[in-house]
Protein backbone atom coordinates (compact mmCIF):
# COMPACT_ATOMS: atom_id res chain seq x y z
CA UNK A 1 18.83 78.34 80.59
CA UNK A 2 20.28 74.79 80.78
CA UNK A 3 21.97 75.62 84.07
CA UNK A 4 18.74 76.73 85.68
CA UNK A 5 16.92 73.53 84.56
CA UNK A 6 19.59 71.24 86.03
CA UNK A 7 19.56 73.06 89.37
CA UNK A 8 15.80 72.84 89.49
CA UNK A 9 15.81 69.06 88.88
CA UNK A 10 18.44 68.49 91.56
CA UNK A 11 16.43 70.37 94.14
CA UNK A 12 13.22 68.66 93.00
CA UNK A 13 14.41 64.99 93.18
CA UNK A 14 17.34 64.90 95.54
CA UNK A 15 16.71 67.39 98.28
CA UNK A 16 13.26 66.08 99.34
CA UNK A 17 14.76 62.63 100.00
CA UNK A 18 17.51 63.95 102.20
CA UNK A 19 15.38 66.48 103.94
CA UNK A 20 12.46 64.05 104.36
CA UNK A 21 14.50 61.41 106.11
CA UNK A 22 16.33 63.81 108.23
CA UNK A 23 13.27 65.73 109.38
CA UNK A 24 11.99 62.91 111.61
CA UNK A 25 15.27 61.62 112.98
CA UNK A 26 17.56 64.59 113.58
CA UNK A 27 16.64 65.05 117.21
CA UNK A 28 16.58 61.36 118.05
CA UNK A 29 19.72 60.04 116.28
CA UNK A 30 23.01 62.10 116.07
CA UNK A 31 24.52 59.61 113.64
CA UNK A 32 21.76 60.21 111.19
CA UNK A 33 22.29 63.96 111.66
CA UNK A 34 25.97 63.69 110.72
CA UNK A 35 25.14 61.53 107.71
CA UNK A 36 22.63 64.08 106.50
CA UNK A 37 25.11 66.94 106.80
CA UNK A 38 27.74 64.93 104.92
CA UNK A 39 25.31 64.23 102.09
CA UNK A 40 24.33 67.87 101.98
CA UNK A 41 28.00 68.83 101.60
CA UNK A 42 28.46 66.26 98.84
CA UNK A 43 25.36 67.58 97.11
CA UNK A 44 26.65 71.16 97.35
CA UNK A 45 30.01 70.08 95.88
CA UNK A 46 28.23 68.31 93.02
CA UNK A 47 26.17 71.43 92.32
CA UNK A 48 29.31 73.61 92.24
CA UNK A 49 31.01 71.21 89.80
CA UNK A 50 27.95 71.27 87.55
CA UNK A 51 27.85 75.08 87.65
CA UNK A 52 31.54 75.24 86.73
CA UNK A 53 31.04 72.90 83.77
CA UNK A 54 28.04 74.91 82.58
CA UNK A 55 29.98 78.23 82.82
CA UNK A 56 32.93 76.71 80.98
CA UNK A 57 30.66 75.46 78.22
CA UNK A 58 29.02 78.87 77.87
CA UNK A 59 32.43 80.58 77.71
CA UNK A 60 33.57 78.17 75.02
CA UNK A 61 30.41 78.87 73.02
CA UNK A 62 30.91 82.64 73.40
CA UNK A 63 34.57 82.39 72.33
CA UNK A 64 33.59 80.32 69.33
CA UNK A 65 31.02 82.92 68.36
CA UNK A 66 33.58 85.76 68.66
CA UNK A 67 36.08 83.80 66.59
CA UNK A 68 33.50 83.29 63.85
CA UNK A 69 32.66 87.02 63.83
CA UNK A 70 36.36 87.98 63.69
CA UNK A 71 36.94 85.56 60.84
CA UNK A 72 34.02 87.04 58.95
CA UNK A 73 35.28 90.61 59.47
CA UNK A 74 38.80 89.66 58.31
CA UNK A 75 37.39 88.16 55.15
CA UNK A 76 35.34 91.27 54.45
CA UNK A 77 38.38 93.53 55.04
CA UNK A 78 40.53 91.53 52.66
CA UNK A 79 37.85 91.74 50.00
CA UNK A 80 37.65 95.51 50.43
CA UNK A 81 41.44 96.04 50.23
CA UNK A 82 41.84 94.05 47.03
CA UNK A 83 40.21 96.71 44.86
CA UNK A 84 41.91 99.81 46.33
CA UNK A 85 45.38 99.84 44.74
CA UNK A 86 46.32 100.00 41.09
CA UNK A 87 47.28 96.76 39.44
CA UNK A 88 49.71 96.78 36.53
CA UNK A 89 49.36 94.33 33.65
CA UNK A 90 51.59 94.13 30.61
CA UNK A 91 49.88 95.13 27.36
CA UNK A 92 46.78 96.68 28.88
CA UNK A 93 47.82 100.31 29.22
CA UNK A 94 44.40 101.40 27.93
CA UNK A 95 42.74 100.66 31.26
CA UNK A 96 41.16 103.78 32.71
CA UNK A 97 42.71 103.01 36.11
CA UNK A 98 46.15 103.68 34.62
CA UNK A 99 45.31 107.10 33.20
CA UNK A 100 47.46 109.91 34.65
CA UNK A 101 46.16 112.62 36.96
CA UNK A 102 45.40 115.53 34.63
CA UNK A 103 45.25 119.07 36.02
CA UNK A 104 44.99 122.51 34.46
CA UNK A 105 45.84 125.79 36.19
CA UNK A 106 45.28 129.33 34.97
CA UNK A 107 47.51 132.21 36.07
CA UNK A 108 46.19 135.71 35.20
CA UNK A 109 47.03 139.18 36.46
CA UNK A 110 46.47 142.89 35.92
CA UNK A 111 49.23 145.33 36.83
CA UNK A 112 49.62 149.09 37.09
CA UNK A 113 53.09 150.67 37.35
CA UNK A 114 54.33 154.21 37.96
CA UNK A 115 57.23 153.57 35.55
CA UNK A 116 57.08 154.80 31.96
CA UNK A 117 59.98 152.61 30.84
CA UNK A 118 58.95 150.36 27.96
CA UNK A 119 61.60 147.82 28.94
CA UNK A 120 60.13 147.43 32.44
CA UNK A 121 56.49 147.43 31.36
CA UNK A 122 56.95 145.00 28.47
CA UNK A 123 57.02 141.26 29.31
CA UNK A 124 60.58 139.92 29.24
CA UNK A 125 62.88 137.50 31.05
CA UNK A 126 63.09 139.92 33.99
CA UNK A 127 59.58 141.42 33.93
CA UNK A 128 56.13 139.87 33.70
CA UNK A 129 54.71 143.10 32.26
CA UNK A 130 52.83 146.11 33.58
CA UNK A 131 49.96 148.48 32.74
CA UNK A 132 47.64 145.86 31.26
CA UNK A 133 45.94 142.50 31.57
CA UNK A 134 48.10 139.41 31.07
CA UNK A 135 47.95 135.65 30.89
CA UNK A 136 51.14 134.69 32.69
CA UNK A 137 50.65 130.98 32.11
CA UNK A 138 48.16 128.24 31.47
CA UNK A 139 49.71 125.03 32.75
CA UNK A 140 48.77 121.45 31.93
CA UNK A 141 50.17 118.81 34.30
CA UNK A 142 50.21 115.04 33.76
CA UNK A 143 51.28 112.91 36.73
CA UNK A 144 51.11 109.13 37.10
CA UNK A 145 52.94 106.10 38.47
CA UNK A 146 54.43 104.22 35.52
CA UNK A 147 54.80 100.97 37.47
CA UNK A 148 55.55 100.07 41.09
CA UNK A 149 59.13 101.35 40.72
CA UNK A 150 58.86 104.59 38.71
CA UNK A 151 56.63 107.62 38.22
CA UNK A 152 56.41 110.27 35.54
CA UNK A 153 55.58 113.99 35.62
CA UNK A 154 55.03 116.38 32.72
CA UNK A 155 54.19 120.10 32.88
CA UNK A 156 53.32 121.95 29.67
CA UNK A 157 53.18 125.75 29.69
CA UNK A 158 50.89 127.77 27.40
CA UNK A 159 51.38 131.53 27.03
CA UNK A 160 50.19 134.08 24.51
CA UNK A 161 53.33 133.72 22.42
CA UNK A 162 54.48 130.12 22.82
CA UNK A 163 53.89 126.60 24.03
CA UNK A 164 56.75 124.83 25.76
CA UNK A 165 57.45 121.85 27.96
CA UNK A 166 58.32 123.27 31.37
CA UNK A 167 59.24 119.94 32.95
CA UNK A 168 59.07 116.31 31.81
CA UNK A 169 60.90 113.66 33.81
CA UNK A 170 60.78 110.15 35.19
CA UNK A 171 61.82 109.07 38.68
CA UNK A 172 63.08 105.73 39.98
CA UNK A 173 62.09 105.39 43.64
CA UNK A 174 63.62 103.60 46.62
CA UNK A 175 66.84 102.53 44.94
CA UNK A 176 69.84 101.16 46.86
CA UNK A 177 71.77 103.61 49.06
CA UNK A 178 68.41 105.29 49.95
CA UNK A 179 68.42 107.02 46.57
CA UNK A 180 65.80 108.35 44.17
CA UNK A 181 66.96 108.97 40.59
CA UNK A 182 65.45 111.48 38.18
CA UNK A 183 66.08 111.87 34.46
CA UNK A 184 64.55 114.30 31.96
CA UNK A 185 63.81 118.02 31.79
CA UNK A 186 63.43 119.46 35.29
CA UNK A 187 64.30 122.19 37.78
CA UNK A 188 67.01 120.90 40.15
CA UNK A 189 67.02 121.59 43.87
CA UNK A 190 68.60 124.98 44.50
CA UNK A 191 67.65 127.17 47.42
CA UNK A 192 64.07 127.00 48.58
CA UNK A 193 62.12 128.34 45.60
CA UNK A 194 63.80 127.08 42.43
CA UNK A 195 61.52 124.02 42.26
CA UNK A 196 58.37 126.11 42.75
CA UNK A 197 56.31 127.00 39.71
CA UNK A 198 55.20 130.63 39.39
CA UNK A 199 51.57 130.04 40.39
CA UNK A 200 52.62 128.52 43.74
CA UNK A 201 55.07 131.23 44.87
CA UNK A 202 54.37 132.88 48.24
CA UNK A 203 54.30 136.26 46.47
CA UNK A 204 53.40 137.07 42.88
CA UNK A 205 57.00 137.34 41.63
CA UNK A 206 60.36 135.77 42.46
CA UNK A 207 62.85 137.62 44.69
CA UNK A 208 65.13 140.07 42.88
CA UNK A 209 68.41 138.23 43.59
CA UNK A 210 67.08 135.08 41.91
CA UNK A 211 65.75 137.04 38.92
CA UNK A 212 69.06 138.87 38.39
CA UNK A 213 71.04 135.62 38.63
CA UNK A 214 68.80 133.26 36.66
CA UNK A 215 65.83 135.15 35.19
CA UNK A 216 62.20 134.22 35.86
CA UNK A 217 62.73 130.61 34.78
CA UNK A 218 65.36 129.86 37.42
CA UNK A 219 67.86 127.01 37.08
CA UNK A 220 66.51 124.32 34.74
CA UNK A 221 67.61 121.97 31.99
CA UNK A 222 67.78 118.41 30.72
CA UNK A 223 69.88 115.95 32.71
CA UNK A 224 69.98 113.61 35.68
CA UNK A 225 69.46 114.17 39.42
CA UNK A 226 70.15 111.89 42.38
CA UNK A 227 68.45 112.39 45.73
CA UNK A 228 70.05 110.69 48.75
CA UNK A 229 68.74 110.21 52.27
CA UNK A 230 71.86 110.52 54.44
CA UNK A 231 72.55 109.60 58.05
CA UNK A 232 71.37 112.43 60.27
CA UNK A 233 74.05 115.13 60.60
CA UNK A 234 74.50 118.03 63.04
CA UNK A 235 71.64 116.83 65.25
CA UNK A 236 69.07 116.92 62.46
CA UNK A 237 65.93 114.80 62.33
CA UNK A 238 66.52 114.21 58.61
CA UNK A 239 69.38 114.94 56.20
CA UNK A 240 69.20 114.82 52.39
CA UNK A 241 71.55 115.61 49.54
CA UNK A 242 70.77 116.25 45.85
CA UNK A 243 73.31 116.22 43.02
CA UNK A 244 72.37 117.15 39.43
CA UNK A 245 74.07 117.48 36.05
CA UNK A 246 72.02 119.34 33.43
CA UNK A 247 72.37 121.24 30.18
CA UNK A 248 70.73 124.46 31.24
CA UNK A 249 72.50 127.75 30.58
CA UNK A 250 70.00 130.60 30.08
CA UNK A 251 72.19 133.60 29.30
CA UNK A 252 72.29 135.15 32.81
CA UNK A 253 74.91 133.69 35.11
CA UNK A 254 75.61 130.86 32.65
CA UNK A 255 75.93 130.86 28.88
CA UNK A 256 73.26 129.22 26.77
CA UNK A 257 75.68 128.75 23.90
CA UNK A 258 78.63 126.45 23.36
CA UNK A 259 79.14 122.75 22.96
CA UNK A 260 79.24 121.79 26.64
CA UNK A 261 76.80 124.13 28.38
CA UNK A 262 76.64 121.89 31.43
CA UNK A 263 75.60 122.96 34.92
CA UNK A 264 76.56 121.10 38.08
CA UNK A 265 74.23 121.64 41.04
CA UNK A 266 74.24 120.38 44.63
CA UNK A 267 71.76 120.86 47.46
CA UNK A 268 72.23 119.86 51.13
CA UNK A 269 69.31 120.05 53.58
CA UNK A 270 68.99 119.46 57.31
CA UNK A 271 65.49 119.22 58.81
CA UNK A 272 64.78 119.77 62.54
CA UNK A 273 61.57 119.20 64.51
CA UNK A 274 61.59 122.06 67.02
CA UNK A 275 58.23 121.03 68.51
CA UNK A 276 55.03 119.26 67.48
CA UNK A 277 53.96 122.44 65.68
CA UNK A 278 57.28 123.93 64.52
CA UNK A 279 60.09 122.82 62.23
CA UNK A 280 63.30 124.41 60.99
CA UNK A 281 65.26 123.80 57.76
CA UNK A 282 68.84 124.68 56.95
CA UNK A 283 69.92 124.40 53.29
CA UNK A 284 73.18 124.92 51.46
CA UNK A 285 73.11 124.98 47.64
CA UNK A 286 75.55 125.60 44.83
CA UNK A 287 75.60 125.61 41.03
CA UNK A 288 78.47 126.16 38.61
CA UNK A 289 78.95 126.29 34.85
CA UNK A 290 80.56 128.22 31.99
CA UNK A 291 79.54 131.85 31.46
CA UNK A 292 80.95 132.62 27.97
CA UNK A 293 80.34 131.05 24.54
CA UNK A 294 84.00 130.03 24.24
CA UNK A 295 83.68 128.22 27.57
CA UNK A 296 86.88 129.66 29.00
CA UNK A 297 85.35 131.23 32.12
CA UNK A 298 83.06 129.89 34.82
CA UNK A 299 80.51 131.24 37.24
CA UNK A 300 79.75 129.98 40.74
CA UNK A 301 76.58 130.71 42.70
CA UNK A 302 76.04 129.70 46.32
CA UNK A 303 72.90 129.88 48.44
CA UNK A 304 72.42 129.61 52.22
CA UNK A 305 68.77 129.15 53.17
CA UNK A 306 66.96 129.25 56.53
CA UNK A 307 63.28 128.38 56.96
CA UNK A 308 61.15 128.35 60.11
CA UNK A 309 57.54 127.19 59.89
CA UNK A 310 54.87 127.04 62.58
CA UNK A 311 51.71 125.01 61.94
CA UNK A 312 49.70 124.51 65.17
CA UNK A 313 48.50 120.95 65.67
CA UNK A 314 44.80 120.64 64.87
CA UNK A 315 44.58 124.27 63.67
CA UNK A 316 46.52 124.21 60.40
CA UNK A 317 43.36 125.19 58.51
CA UNK A 318 43.28 128.51 60.35
CA UNK A 319 46.82 129.44 61.39
CA UNK A 320 50.27 129.10 59.81
CA UNK A 321 53.39 131.22 60.02
CA UNK A 322 56.48 130.89 57.83
CA UNK A 323 59.75 132.81 57.75
CA UNK A 324 62.20 132.23 54.90
CA UNK A 325 65.58 133.88 54.33
CA UNK A 326 68.23 133.18 51.69
CA UNK A 327 71.72 134.66 51.29
CA UNK A 328 73.26 134.42 47.82
CA UNK A 329 76.84 134.84 46.63
CA UNK A 330 77.99 134.92 42.99
CA UNK A 331 81.47 134.78 41.51
CA UNK A 332 81.84 135.38 37.78
CA UNK A 333 85.19 134.86 36.05
CA UNK A 334 85.95 137.29 33.21
CA UNK A 335 88.97 138.22 31.12
CA UNK A 336 89.34 141.38 33.23
CA UNK A 337 89.11 139.61 36.58
CA UNK A 338 86.53 138.06 38.87
CA UNK A 339 83.25 139.82 39.69
CA UNK A 340 81.82 138.98 43.10
CA UNK A 341 78.26 139.99 43.95
CA UNK A 342 75.91 139.44 46.86
CA UNK A 343 72.19 139.40 47.46
CA UNK A 344 69.56 138.27 49.91
CA UNK A 345 65.84 138.21 50.54
CA UNK A 346 63.70 137.59 53.59
CA UNK A 347 60.02 136.69 53.46
CA UNK A 348 57.22 136.36 56.04
CA UNK A 349 53.88 134.65 55.55
CA UNK A 350 51.06 134.66 58.08
CA UNK A 351 47.78 132.77 57.71
CA UNK A 352 45.15 134.86 59.47
CA UNK A 353 42.24 132.41 59.20
CA UNK A 354 40.84 129.78 56.85
CA UNK A 355 40.78 132.14 53.84
CA UNK A 356 43.14 135.07 54.35
CA UNK A 357 46.95 135.28 54.16
CA UNK A 358 49.19 138.32 54.53
CA UNK A 359 52.84 138.28 53.50
CA UNK A 360 55.79 140.59 53.04
CA UNK A 361 59.27 140.39 51.50
CA UNK A 362 62.41 142.49 51.30
CA UNK A 363 64.99 141.96 48.52
CA UNK A 364 68.52 143.24 47.92
CA UNK A 365 70.62 142.33 44.90
CA UNK A 366 73.89 143.34 43.29
CA UNK A 367 74.01 142.59 39.57
CA UNK A 368 76.17 139.53 38.82
CA UNK A 369 77.89 141.21 35.86
CA UNK A 370 78.56 144.52 37.68
CA UNK A 371 78.54 144.53 41.48
CA UNK A 372 78.59 148.33 41.64
CA UNK A 373 75.02 148.35 40.34
CA UNK A 374 72.25 147.16 42.62
CA UNK A 375 68.58 147.27 43.46
CA UNK A 376 66.28 146.61 46.39
CA UNK A 377 62.53 146.09 46.67
CA UNK A 378 59.85 145.91 49.36
CA UNK A 379 56.72 143.83 48.79
CA UNK A 380 53.46 143.29 50.67
CA UNK A 381 50.58 141.12 49.51
CA UNK A 382 47.15 140.02 50.71
CA UNK A 383 45.71 136.69 49.54
CA UNK A 384 42.10 135.50 49.65
CA UNK A 385 41.46 131.79 49.09
CA UNK A 386 37.93 131.39 47.81
CA UNK A 387 38.53 127.64 47.95
CA UNK A 388 41.47 125.28 47.57
CA UNK A 389 41.03 125.65 43.80
CA UNK A 390 40.77 129.46 43.48
CA UNK A 391 42.66 132.32 45.11
CA UNK A 392 43.03 136.08 44.56
CA UNK A 393 46.04 138.21 45.46
CA UNK A 394 46.55 141.95 45.75
CA UNK A 395 50.22 142.95 45.87
CA UNK A 396 52.08 146.24 46.19
CA UNK A 397 55.81 146.49 45.42
CA UNK A 398 58.25 149.36 45.50
CA UNK A 399 61.52 148.87 43.57
CA UNK A 400 64.59 151.10 43.88
CA UNK A 401 67.11 150.63 41.08
CA UNK A 402 70.63 151.98 40.85
CA UNK A 403 71.89 150.65 37.53
CA UNK A 404 72.11 151.59 33.86
CA UNK A 405 72.78 149.86 30.56
CA UNK A 406 71.71 146.41 31.73
CA UNK A 407 69.94 143.48 30.06
CA UNK A 408 70.46 144.99 26.60
CA UNK A 409 68.71 148.23 27.55
CA UNK A 410 70.59 151.48 27.07
CA UNK A 411 69.97 154.06 29.76
CA UNK A 412 68.91 154.10 33.40
CA UNK A 413 66.20 152.07 35.07
CA UNK A 414 63.79 154.24 37.07
CA UNK A 415 62.35 153.45 40.49
CA UNK A 416 58.77 152.29 40.39
CA UNK A 417 55.68 151.42 42.40
CA UNK A 418 53.61 148.52 41.14
CA UNK A 419 50.13 147.34 42.10
CA UNK A 420 49.20 143.85 40.92
CA UNK A 421 45.90 141.95 41.08
CA UNK A 422 46.56 138.24 40.65
CA UNK A 423 43.97 135.52 39.94
CA UNK A 424 44.80 131.84 39.98
CA UNK A 425 42.54 128.84 39.51
CA UNK A 426 43.09 125.11 39.15
CA UNK A 427 41.06 122.12 38.03
CA UNK A 428 42.10 118.57 38.70
CA UNK A 429 43.58 116.61 41.60
CA UNK A 430 46.92 118.44 41.89
CA UNK A 431 45.54 121.94 42.36
CA UNK A 432 48.33 124.47 43.14
CA UNK A 433 51.22 122.04 43.42
CA UNK A 434 54.57 123.71 43.94
CA UNK A 435 56.38 121.46 41.45
């Protein structure tokens, strides 16, 4: 607006004088004509300079306005960020902001089996039970950061017969040497499924080789575990190594008696990004410990794992495919010589759409205490996720057994077909966490 007013005044007061004088003398006097043109040029130059000053002033005003708006937005953003994170104060642990995340999950199933064996149908360390309705587990989980450097996790298991602490440990994060340190009662890294709780398994039960080597509980105990992020090896995108020392014999591959029932476990993992939607993992695990109460003989179990997972970018809600295979080798020292046994399982999972999954698994296992006895099983299951908090599973499994006088049972173990209906629900922020 100010620019327009100044231009108007210039034309109003200056131009008439020049034009008026020149109008009567242009044709008669060339000198006057040249003078008039020169003044017109000077006037035009003055107008251009005034326009430039006005534009510069307007730009400065606009820049100042933008700077004020940016400053205001920065102040508002800082005020919003202040209240997002948790703040730790000594002596005020009662603050509600420091309460742990509390979750509860329920794991129920009904099972029908063709077997009439009481040992197979009765819940035990190798069987969840058949021909009835069962509460496999009610799990209470408590998870919270303890301070900016550590976090704590506790999982308490409730069954019909007992209440026990499944895991309870504390972790120090981001220590020197790219290390995380864990101490307490926990399941160490071994293979791909040892850390997974039952309710989060891809099928209802654990693969037969793992059950025959460690029982349903897997490898677990009280001790210390170090997790290290290593330089990338063998062309991997990430390489990690876990080392654990625990007291955790359970009476299968390792004795649960004796003064020094220690287990030593290691887990090496290489991670590869095959594409934006696909990744591949290669793992190598091992665990060793004593296998007799007198602690004269040891057992060694090794695991080679391969996992390929496809999750299409932008469509993970509707499509996912996962293939997992593990090869296991066991060596058990005895007074009569070493017993070497082998086993493997391969599993496929396919997410059909937002709610439905279909999966299958094949298991083969030689018994670690007698490699001439073995079993294999084929499993197929269909899962329906009502929501992220509730899912239902229908599973069929056929088991072929070729062993007798095992696990304290005298006699043979018959083949069987089992149909299981599995219901799992969760309340709380952690839902169906794997560990």
